[in-house]
Amino acid sequence: MTIEVAGLSVCYDGVPVLRGLSVRVPTGGWLALIGPNGAGKTTVLRAVAGLVPFSGEVRMADSAVSGMRRRRLAQLVAYVPQRPQIPASMTVTDYVLLGRTPYIPYLGTESRKDLDVVTGVLERLELGALAHRLLGSLSGGEAQRAVLGRVLAQEAPVLLLDEPTAALDVGHQQQVLELIDELRLEQGLTVMSAMHDLTLAAQFAEQLLLLDGGRAVAAGPARAVLTEATIRRHYGASVRILEGPEGGVVVLPTRAGRRATVEAEGRVG
């Protein structure tokens, strides 16, 4: 499902935090929102999810998000905040089942289809053995998979992720992002994610959108957006852009005294 954003602006307590953003994410695409802290990445996701008031327009399924009923919007958009609420005393199965809420009638109970969807998601994420475990007993990586399971059980064609690898070690970061990408390709999901790790954003997202001060300042494939000059200007960071082992982009922070050495090596590792 294509996401169309035009002239999107958001204010908090009268202070503009997002200004005139326009972007299009095609069906099955992955757009990573990057930028320094406070650039407006989370606000974009929350606006697309219909969680904050905004001016401008956000459209999907040929309809404006602002005019959709909450239940309909929840069937189209699955949103994972940076710090999701994870009730420690709830089982993994019950937590993932929350993803079926948009399909369960008021005062109704889950159907056989709802339970089948949850079972399938647990198997897909290798959570079957943890189905009856309490969330409070899980490791960080296991809990992150449970959060992803709840989102996938929602069966929404649009997936919004705010720092999906926050607080995960490098192994679990890769595992979560690889899984998201596999599911995107298999199911044609449209993904929009806010990401701090520029190398990971370059590896997994098809397009990057760099925000600074609530405005879009660069957009396109990683090689076009992630330049040393651009990162220095908007992040205030000294980096070296290197060729990855598979032809990707690697963003390597450098110290002033190490820059000459890095330039001489011209490679990662």
C-alpha atoms as a PDB file:
ATOM      1  CA  MET A   1       0.000   0.000   0.000  1.00  0.00           C
ATOM      2  CA  THR A   2       1.452   3.353  -1.028  1.00  0.00           C
ATOM      3  CA  ILE A   3       1.899   6.136   1.535  1.00  0.00           C
ATOM      4  CA  GLU A   4       1.428   9.661   0.194  1.00  0.00           C
ATOM      5  CA  VAL A   5       2.473  12.583   2.408  1.00  0.00           C
ATOM      6  CA  ALA A   6       2.011  16.176   1.190  1.00  0.00           C
ATOM      7  CA  GLY A   7       2.771  19.422   3.035  1.00  0.00           C
ATOM      8  CA  LEU A   8       2.843  17.687   6.431  1.00  0.00           C
ATOM      9  CA  SER A   9       3.359  20.074   9.354  1.00  0.00           C
ATOM     10  CA  VAL A  10       3.034  19.449  13.090  1.00  0.00           C
ATOM     11  CA  CYS A  11       3.192  21.810  16.060  1.00  0.00           C
ATOM     12  CA  TYR A  12       3.509  20.952  19.751  1.00  0.00           C
ATOM     13  CA  ASP A  13       2.220  23.681  22.086  1.00  0.00           C
ATOM     14  CA  GLY A  14       2.425  26.130  19.215  1.00  0.00           C
ATOM     15  CA  VAL A  15       6.037  25.271  18.384  1.00  0.00           C
ATOM     16  CA  PRO A  16       6.607  23.863  14.855  1.00  0.00           C
ATOM     17  CA  VAL A  17       8.406  20.511  14.947  1.00  0.00           C
ATOM     18  CA  LEU A  18       7.676  19.382  11.383  1.00  0.00           C
ATOM     19  CA  ARG A  19       7.445  21.754   8.440  1.00  0.00           C
ATOM     20  CA  GLY A  20       5.944  21.092   5.013  1.00  0.00           C
ATOM     21  CA  LEU A  21       7.141  17.518   4.537  1.00  0.00           C
ATOM     22  CA  SER A  22       6.202  15.736   1.310  1.00  0.00           C
ATOM     23  CA  VAL A  23       7.232  12.146   0.567  1.00  0.00           C
ATOM     24  CA  ARG A  24       5.918   9.067  -1.190  1.00  0.00           C
ATOM     25  CA  VAL A  25       6.635   5.462  -0.174  1.00  0.00           C
ATOM     26  CA  PRO A  26       5.519   2.975  -2.849  1.00  0.00           C
ATOM     27  CA  THR A  27       3.835  -0.327  -2.066  1.00  0.00           C
ATOM     28  CA  GLY A  28       6.443  -2.788  -0.808  1.00  0.00           C
ATOM     29  CA  GLY A  29       9.064  -0.072  -0.309  1.00  0.00           C
ATOM     30  CA  TRP A  30      11.175   0.711   2.747  1.00  0.00           C
ATOM     31  CA  LEU A  31      11.894   4.328   3.665  1.00  0.00           C
ATOM     32  CA  ALA A  32      14.235   5.056   6.579  1.00  0.00           C
ATOM     33  CA  LEU A  33      13.877   8.410   8.345  1.00  0.00           C
ATOM     34  CA  ILE A  34      17.270   9.583   9.579  1.00  0.00           C
ATOM     35  CA  GLY A  35      18.529  12.743  11.230  1.00  0.00           C
ATOM     36  CA  PRO A  36      19.840  14.104  14.523  1.00  0.00           C
ATOM     37  CA  ASN A  37      17.870  13.949  17.762  1.00  0.00           C
ATOM     38  CA  GLY A  38      14.826  16.197  17.643  1.00  0.00           C
ATOM     39  CA  ALA A  39      14.763  16.283  13.833  1.00  0.00           C
ATOM     40  CA  GLY A  40      11.131  15.127  13.665  1.00  0.00           C
ATOM     41  CA  LYS A  41      11.486  11.421  12.792  1.00  0.00           C
ATOM     42  CA  THR A  42       9.116  10.119  15.464  1.00  0.00           C
ATOM     43  CA  THR A  43       6.640  12.898  14.721  1.00  0.00           C
ATOM     44  CA  VAL A  44       6.445  11.810  11.074  1.00  0.00           C
ATOM     45  CA  LEU A  45       5.604   8.252  12.117  1.00  0.00           C
ATOM     46  CA  ARG A  46       3.012   9.391  14.634  1.00  0.00           C
ATOM     47  CA  ALA A  47       1.373  11.667  12.078  1.00  0.00           C
ATOM     48  CA  VAL A  48       1.201   8.905   9.457  1.00  0.00           C
ATOM     49  CA  ALA A  49      -0.319   6.656  12.134  1.00  0.00           C
ATOM     50  CA  GLY A  50      -2.930   9.320  12.875  1.00  0.00           C
ATOM     51  CA  LEU A  51      -1.745   9.775  16.455  1.00  0.00           C
ATOM     52  CA  VAL A  52      -1.050  13.532  16.404  1.00  0.00           C
ATOM     53  CA  PRO A  53      -2.923  16.485  14.896  1.00  0.00           C
ATOM     54  CA  PHE A  54      -1.316  17.804  11.722  1.00  0.00           C
ATOM     55  CA  SER A  55      -1.860  20.072   8.760  1.00  0.00           C
ATOM     56  CA  GLY A  56      -1.266  18.883   5.232  1.00  0.00           C
ATOM     57  CA  GLU A  57      -2.320  15.476   4.015  1.00  0.00           C
ATOM     58  CA  VAL A  58      -1.473  11.830   4.593  1.00  0.00           C
ATOM     59  CA  ARG A  59      -3.175   9.363   2.265  1.00  0.00           C
ATOM     60  CA  MET A  60      -3.250   5.607   1.859  1.00  0.00           C
ATOM     61  CA  ALA A  61      -5.765   3.271   0.222  1.00  0.00           C
ATOM     62  CA  ASP A  62      -6.944   6.343  -1.733  1.00  0.00           C
ATOM     63  CA  SER A  63      -8.225   7.864   1.506  1.00  0.00           C
ATOM     64  CA  ALA A  64      -7.035  10.601   3.858  1.00  0.00           C
ATOM     65  CA  VAL A  65      -5.809   9.308   7.212  1.00  0.00           C
ATOM     66  CA  SER A  66      -7.487  12.243   8.965  1.00  0.00           C
ATOM     67  CA  GLY A  67     -10.896  11.029   7.786  1.00  0.00           C
ATOM     68  CA  MET A  68     -10.514   7.344   8.693  1.00  0.00           C
ATOM     69  CA  ARG A  69     -12.150   5.697  11.651  1.00  0.00           C
ATOM     70  CA  ARG A  70      -9.688   4.353  14.217  1.00  0.00           C
ATOM     71  CA  ARG A  71     -10.607   0.719  13.597  1.00  0.00           C
ATOM     72  CA  ARG A  72     -10.130   1.061   9.837  1.00  0.00           C
ATOM     73  CA  LEU A  73      -6.798   2.848  10.300  1.00  0.00           C
ATOM     74  CA  ALA A  74      -5.629   0.097  12.669  1.00  0.00           C
ATOM     75  CA  GLN A  75      -6.373  -2.458   9.948  1.00  0.00           C
ATOM     76  CA  LEU A  76      -4.114  -0.550   7.550  1.00  0.00           C
ATOM     77  CA  VAL A  77      -1.289   0.701   9.759  1.00  0.00           C
ATOM     78  CA  ALA A  78       0.741  -1.095  12.429  1.00  0.00           C
ATOM     79  CA  TYR A  79       2.879   1.213  14.567  1.00  0.00           C
ATOM     80  CA  VAL A  80       5.714   0.187  16.890  1.00  0.00           C
ATOM     81  CA  PRO A  81       6.852   3.020  19.197  1.00  0.00           C
ATOM     82  CA  GLN A  82      10.441   3.228  20.344  1.00  0.00           C
ATOM     83  CA  ARG A  83       9.454   2.140  23.859  1.00  0.00           C
ATOM     84  CA  PRO A  84       6.408  -0.132  23.521  1.00  0.00           C
ATOM     85  CA  GLN A  85       4.425  -1.045  26.594  1.00  0.00           C
ATOM     86  CA  ILE A  86       5.220  -4.656  27.480  1.00  0.00           C
ATOM     87  CA  PRO A  87       3.080  -5.900  30.422  1.00  0.00           C
ATOM     88  CA  ALA A  88       5.393  -8.153  32.432  1.00  0.00           C
ATOM     89  CA  SER A  89       2.574 -10.406  33.678  1.00  0.00           C
ATOM     90  CA  MET A  90       1.054 -11.094  30.232  1.00  0.00           C
ATOM     91  CA  THR A  91       1.912 -14.213  28.254  1.00  0.00           C
ATOM     92  CA  VAL A  92       3.490 -13.997  24.825  1.00  0.00           C
ATOM     93  CA  THR A  93       0.352 -15.502  23.229  1.00  0.00           C
ATOM     94  CA  ASP A  94      -2.012 -13.020  24.873  1.00  0.00           C
ATOM     95  CA  TYR A  95       0.262 -10.136  23.953  1.00  0.00           C
ATOM     96  CA  VAL A  96       0.486 -11.140  20.285  1.00  0.00           C
ATOM     97  CA  LEU A  97      -3.295 -11.626  20.282  1.00  0.00           C
ATOM     98  CA  LEU A  98      -3.653  -7.904  21.020  1.00  0.00           C
ATOM     99  CA  GLY A  99      -2.719  -7.396  17.382  1.00  0.00           C
ATOM    100  CA  ARG A 100      -6.092  -8.845  16.395  1.00  0.00           C
ATOM    101  CA  THR A 101      -8.024  -6.147  18.289  1.00  0.00           C
ATOM    102  CA  PRO A 102      -9.023  -4.228  15.107  1.00  0.00           C
ATOM    103  CA  TYR A 103     -10.865  -7.334  13.883  1.00  0.00           C
ATOM    104  CA  ILE A 104     -12.662  -8.313  17.096  1.00  0.00           C
ATOM    105  CA  PRO A 105     -16.143  -6.775  17.528  1.00  0.00           C
ATOM    106  CA  TYR A 106     -16.858  -4.645  20.561  1.00  0.00           C
ATOM    107  CA  LEU A 107     -17.831  -6.888  23.475  1.00  0.00           C
ATOM    108  CA  GLY A 108     -16.835  -9.841  21.264  1.00  0.00           C
ATOM    109  CA  THR A 109     -14.153 -12.499  21.636  1.00  0.00           C
ATOM    110  CA  GLU A 110     -11.436 -13.734  19.321  1.00  0.00           C
ATOM    111  CA  SER A 111     -12.455 -16.071  16.521  1.00  0.00           C
ATOM    112  CA  ARG A 112     -10.799 -19.251  15.287  1.00  0.00           C
ATOM    113  CA  LYS A 113      -9.197 -17.175  12.524  1.00  0.00           C
ATOM    114  CA  ASP A 114      -7.706 -14.802  15.096  1.00  0.00           C
ATOM    115  CA  LEU A 115      -6.187 -17.707  17.010  1.00  0.00           C
ATOM    116  CA  ASP A 116      -4.872 -19.271  13.807  1.00  0.00           C
ATOM    117  CA  VAL A 117      -3.216 -16.013  12.796  1.00  0.00           C
ATOM    118  CA  VAL A 118      -1.507 -15.771  16.182  1.00  0.00           C
ATOM    119  CA  THR A 119      -0.322 -19.367  15.994  1.00  0.00           C
ATOM    120  CA  GLY A 120       1.117 -18.753  12.544  1.00  0.00           C
ATOM    121  CA  VAL A 121       2.909 -15.614  13.684  1.00  0.00           C
ATOM    122  CA  LEU A 122       4.408 -17.379  16.700  1.00  0.00           C
ATOM    123  CA  GLU A 123       5.747 -20.103  14.446  1.00  0.00           C
ATOM    124  CA  ARG A 124       7.080 -17.597  11.894  1.00  0.00           C
ATOM    125  CA  LEU A 125       9.001 -15.716  14.589  1.00  0.00           C
ATOM    126  CA  GLU A 126      10.153 -18.897  16.340  1.00  0.00           C
ATOM    127  CA  LEU A 127       8.187 -17.934  19.441  1.00  0.00           C
ATOM    128  CA  GLY A 128       6.199 -21.156  19.725  1.00  0.00           C
ATOM    129  CA  ALA A 129       8.347 -22.441  22.599  1.00  0.00           C
ATOM    130  CA  LEU A 130       7.788 -19.154  24.434  1.00  0.00           C
ATOM    131  CA  ALA A 131       4.029 -18.974  23.833  1.00  0.00           C
ATOM    132  CA  HIS A 132       3.113 -19.429  27.502  1.00  0.00           C
ATOM    133  CA  ARG A 133       6.047 -17.525  28.970  1.00  0.00           C
ATOM    134  CA  LEU A 134       5.426 -14.228  30.736  1.00  0.00           C
ATOM    135  CA  LEU A 135       6.781 -11.200  28.926  1.00  0.00           C
ATOM    136  CA  GLY A 136       8.672 -10.159  32.036  1.00  0.00           C
ATOM    137  CA  SER A 137      10.778 -13.315  31.837  1.00  0.00           C
ATOM    138  CA  LEU A 138      11.994 -12.746  28.266  1.00  0.00           C
ATOM    139  CA  SER A 139      15.356 -11.468  27.112  1.00  0.00           C
ATOM    140  CA  GLY A 140      15.528  -8.174  25.211  1.00  0.00           C
ATOM    141  CA  GLY A 141      15.691  -9.933  21.847  1.00  0.00           C
ATOM    142  CA  GLU A 142      12.802 -12.262  22.708  1.00  0.00           C
ATOM    143  CA  ALA A 143      10.664  -9.334  23.877  1.00  0.00           C
ATOM    144  CA  GLN A 144      11.431  -7.460  20.658  1.00  0.00           C
ATOM    145  CA  ARG A 145      10.261 -10.448  18.633  1.00  0.00           C
ATOM    146  CA  ALA A 146       7.064 -10.556  20.691  1.00  0.00           C
ATOM    147  CA  VAL A 147       6.451  -6.892  19.877  1.00  0.00           C
ATOM    148  CA  LEU A 148       6.991  -7.644  16.205  1.00  0.00           C
ATOM    149  CA  GLY A 149       4.629 -10.608  16.548  1.00  0.00           C
ATOM    150  CA  ARG A 150       1.840  -8.396  17.860  1.00  0.00           C
ATOM    151  CA  VAL A 151       2.341  -6.056  14.901  1.00  0.00           C
ATOM    152  CA  LEU A 152       2.360  -8.882  12.349  1.00  0.00           C
ATOM    153  CA  ALA A 153      -0.798 -10.377  13.854  1.00  0.00           C
ATOM    154  CA  GLN A 154      -2.439  -7.068  12.987  1.00  0.00           C
ATOM    155  CA  GLU A 155      -2.013  -7.997   9.292  1.00  0.00           C
ATOM    156  CA  ALA A 156      -1.688  -4.347   8.296  1.00  0.00           C
ATOM    157  CA  PRO A 157      -0.075  -3.595   4.925  1.00  0.00           C
ATOM    158  CA  VAL A 158       1.808  -0.575   6.353  1.00  0.00           C
ATOM    159  CA  LEU A 159       4.447  -1.017   9.054  1.00  0.00           C
ATOM    160  CA  LEU A 160       5.767   2.004  10.993  1.00  0.00           C
ATOM    161  CA  LEU A 161       8.799   1.329  13.182  1.00  0.00           C
ATOM    162  CA  ASP A 162      10.386   3.810  15.580  1.00  0.00           C
ATOM    163  CA  GLU A 163      13.949   2.648  16.295  1.00  0.00           C
ATOM    164  CA  PRO A 164      13.173  -1.086  15.925  1.00  0.00           C
ATOM    165  CA  THR A 165      16.684  -2.073  17.074  1.00  0.00           C
ATOM    166  CA  ALA A 166      16.923   0.209  20.113  1.00  0.00           C
ATOM    167  CA  ALA A 167      18.668  -1.452  23.073  1.00  0.00           C
ATOM    168  CA  LEU A 168      19.457  -4.611  21.098  1.00  0.00           C
ATOM    169  CA  ASP A 169      22.925  -6.084  20.667  1.00  0.00           C
ATOM    170  CA  VAL A 170      24.387  -6.333  17.178  1.00  0.00           C
ATOM    171  CA  GLY A 171      23.209  -9.916  16.688  1.00  0.00           C
ATOM    172  CA  HIS A 172      19.603  -9.172  17.583  1.00  0.00           C
ATOM    173  CA  GLN A 173      19.683  -5.962  15.543  1.00  0.00           C
ATOM    174  CA  GLN A 174      20.555  -7.927  12.452  1.00  0.00           C
ATOM    175  CA  GLN A 175      18.037 -10.658  13.243  1.00  0.00           C
ATOM    176  CA  VAL A 176      15.141  -8.225  13.658  1.00  0.00           C
ATOM    177  CA  LEU A 177      15.931  -6.182  10.544  1.00  0.00           C
ATOM    178  CA  GLU A 178      16.505  -9.268   8.380  1.00  0.00           C
ATOM    179  CA  LEU A 179      13.142 -10.617   9.510  1.00  0.00           C
ATOM    180  CA  ILE A 180      11.369  -7.347   8.741  1.00  0.00           C
ATOM    181  CA  ASP A 181      12.930  -7.290   5.290  1.00  0.00           C
ATOM    182  CA  GLU A 182      11.980 -10.912   4.604  1.00  0.00           C
ATOM    183  CA  LEU A 183       8.377 -10.246   5.582  1.00  0.00           C
ATOM    184  CA  ARG A 184       8.316  -7.053   3.517  1.00  0.00           C
ATOM    185  CA  LEU A 185       9.399  -8.948   0.421  1.00  0.00           C
ATOM    186  CA  GLU A 186       7.117 -11.932   1.069  1.00  0.00           C
ATOM    187  CA  GLN A 187       3.976  -9.985   1.938  1.00  0.00           C
ATOM    188  CA  GLY A 188       4.504  -6.715   0.072  1.00  0.00           C
ATOM    189  CA  LEU A 189       4.543  -4.655   3.266  1.00  0.00           C
ATOM    190  CA  THR A 190       5.289  -0.953   3.033  1.00  0.00           C
ATOM    191  CA  VAL A 191       7.792  -0.001   5.733  1.00  0.00           C
ATOM    192  CA  MET A 192       8.678   3.378   7.177  1.00  0.00           C
ATOM    193  CA  SER A 193      11.211   3.389   9.998  1.00  0.00           C
ATOM    194  CA  ALA A 194      13.077   5.928  12.117  1.00  0.00           C
ATOM    195  CA  MET A 195      16.696   4.820  12.521  1.00  0.00           C
ATOM    196  CA  HIS A 196      19.758   6.228  14.276  1.00  0.00           C
ATOM    197  CA  ASP A 197      22.265   3.700  12.941  1.00  0.00           C
ATOM    198  CA  LEU A 198      23.131   5.057   9.506  1.00  0.00           C
ATOM    199  CA  THR A 199      24.935   1.931   8.341  1.00  0.00           C
ATOM    200  CA  LEU A 200      21.939  -0.268   9.158  1.00  0.00           C
ATOM    201  CA  ALA A 201      19.604   2.235   7.493  1.00  0.00           C
ATOM    202  CA  ALA A 202      21.766   2.104   4.372  1.00  0.00           C
ATOM    203  CA  GLN A 203      21.842  -1.693   4.361  1.00  0.00           C
ATOM    204  CA  PHE A 204      18.122  -2.336   4.717  1.00  0.00           C
ATOM    205  CA  ALA A 205      16.130   0.669   3.484  1.00  0.00           C
ATOM    206  CA  GLU A 206      15.657   1.295  -0.219  1.00  0.00           C
ATOM    207  CA  GLN A 207      15.419   5.053   0.289  1.00  0.00           C
ATOM    208  CA  LEU A 208      16.555   7.449   3.021  1.00  0.00           C
ATOM    209  CA  LEU A 209      14.971  10.727   4.072  1.00  0.00           C
ATOM    210  CA  LEU A 210      17.232  13.010   6.114  1.00  0.00           C
ATOM    211  CA  LEU A 211      15.430  15.398   8.448  1.00  0.00           C
ATOM    212  CA  ASP A 212      16.904  18.314  10.355  1.00  0.00           C
ATOM    213  CA  GLY A 213      14.993  20.941  12.270  1.00  0.00           C
ATOM    214  CA  GLY A 214      11.702  19.449  11.159  1.00  0.00           C
ATOM    215  CA  ARG A 215      12.499  19.798   7.455  1.00  0.00           C
ATOM    216  CA  ALA A 216      13.563  17.340   4.776  1.00  0.00           C
ATOM    217  CA  VAL A 217      17.121  18.237   3.755  1.00  0.00           C
ATOM    218  CA  ALA A 218      18.103  15.220   1.620  1.00  0.00           C
ATOM    219  CA  ALA A 219      16.361  12.217   0.097  1.00  0.00           C
ATOM    220  CA  GLY A 220      17.246   9.289  -2.112  1.00  0.00           C
ATOM    221  CA  PRO A 221      19.337   6.112  -2.049  1.00  0.00           C
ATOM    222  CA  ALA A 222      22.004   5.752   0.642  1.00  0.00           C
ATOM    223  CA  ARG A 223      24.901   6.625  -1.647  1.00  0.00           C
ATOM    224  CA  ALA A 224      23.301   9.950  -2.534  1.00  0.00           C
ATOM    225  CA  VAL A 225      22.241  10.930   0.997  1.00  0.00           C
ATOM    226  CA  LEU A 226      25.095   9.641   3.162  1.00  0.00           C
ATOM    227  CA  THR A 227      28.039  11.829   2.279  1.00  0.00           C
ATOM    228  CA  GLU A 228      30.743  13.009   4.652  1.00  0.00           C
ATOM    229  CA  ALA A 229      29.822  16.647   4.069  1.00  0.00           C
ATOM    230  CA  THR A 230      26.104  16.069   4.643  1.00  0.00           C
ATOM    231  CA  ILE A 231      26.646  14.147   7.861  1.00  0.00           C
ATOM    232  CA  ARG A 232      29.107  16.764   9.124  1.00  0.00           C
ATOM    233  CA  ARG A 233      26.624  19.546   8.371  1.00  0.00           C
ATOM    234  CA  HIS A 234      23.535  17.994   9.926  1.00  0.00           C
ATOM    235  CA  TYR A 235      24.950  15.735  12.642  1.00  0.00           C
ATOM    236  CA  GLY A 236      28.059  17.711  13.520  1.00  0.00           C
ATOM    237  CA  ALA A 237      30.006  14.459  13.224  1.00  0.00           C
ATOM    238  CA  SER A 238      33.272  13.512  11.560  1.00  0.00           C
ATOM    239  CA  VAL A 239      32.818  10.288   9.587  1.00  0.00           C
ATOM    240  CA  ARG A 240      34.331   8.341   6.755  1.00  0.00           C
ATOM    241  CA  ILE A 241      32.046   6.775   4.133  1.00  0.00           C
ATOM    242  CA  LEU A 242      33.437   3.419   3.106  1.00  0.00           C
ATOM    243  CA  GLU A 243      32.536   0.671   0.685  1.00  0.00           C
ATOM    244  CA  GLY A 244      30.946  -2.274   2.484  1.00  0.00           C
ATOM    245  CA  PRO A 245      31.879  -5.906   1.827  1.00  0.00           C
ATOM    246  CA  GLU A 246      28.798  -6.383  -0.385  1.00  0.00           C
ATOM    247  CA  GLY A 247      28.930  -3.023  -2.119  1.00  0.00           C
ATOM    248  CA  GLY A 248      26.864  -1.208   0.503  1.00  0.00           C
ATOM    249  CA  VAL A 249      27.615   1.985   2.412  1.00  0.00           C
ATOM    250  CA  VAL A 250      29.383   1.931   5.773  1.00  0.00           C
ATOM    251  CA  VAL A 251      29.416   5.063   7.943  1.00  0.00           C
ATOM    252  CA  LEU A 252      32.499   5.013  10.161  1.00  0.00           C
ATOM    253  CA  PRO A 253      32.895   7.671  12.893  1.00  0.00           C
ATOM    254  CA  THR A 254      36.456   8.973  13.013  1.00  0.00           C
ATOM    255  CA  ARG A 255      38.581  10.846  15.500  1.00  0.00           C
ATOM    256  CA  ALA A 256      40.597  13.765  14.195  1.00  0.00           C
ATOM    257  CA  GLY A 257      43.860  11.977  14.950  1.00  0.00           C
ATOM    258  CA  ARG A 258      42.692   8.804  13.248  1.00  0.00           C
ATOM    259  CA  ARG A 259      41.332  10.282  10.029  1.00  0.00           C
ATOM    260  CA  ALA A 260      44.587  10.092   8.090  1.00  0.00           C
ATOM    261  CA  THR A 261      44.994   6.446   9.067  1.00  0.00           C
ATOM    262  CA  VAL A 262      41.469   5.583   7.989  1.00  0.00           C
ATOM    263  CA  GLU A 263      41.923   7.348   4.652  1.00  0.00           C
ATOM    264  CA  ALA A 264      45.129   5.410   4.061  1.00  0.00           C
ATOM    265  CA  GLU A 265      43.477   2.094   4.812  1.00  0.00           C
ATOM    266  CA  GLY A 266      40.384   2.876   2.704  1.00  0.00           C
ATOM    267  CA  ARG A 267      38.458  -0.076   4.054  1.00  0.00           C
ATOM    268  CA  VAL A 268      36.464  -1.378   7.022  1.00  0.00           C
ATOM    269  CA  GLY A 269      38.211  -3.555   9.574  1.00  0.00           C
END
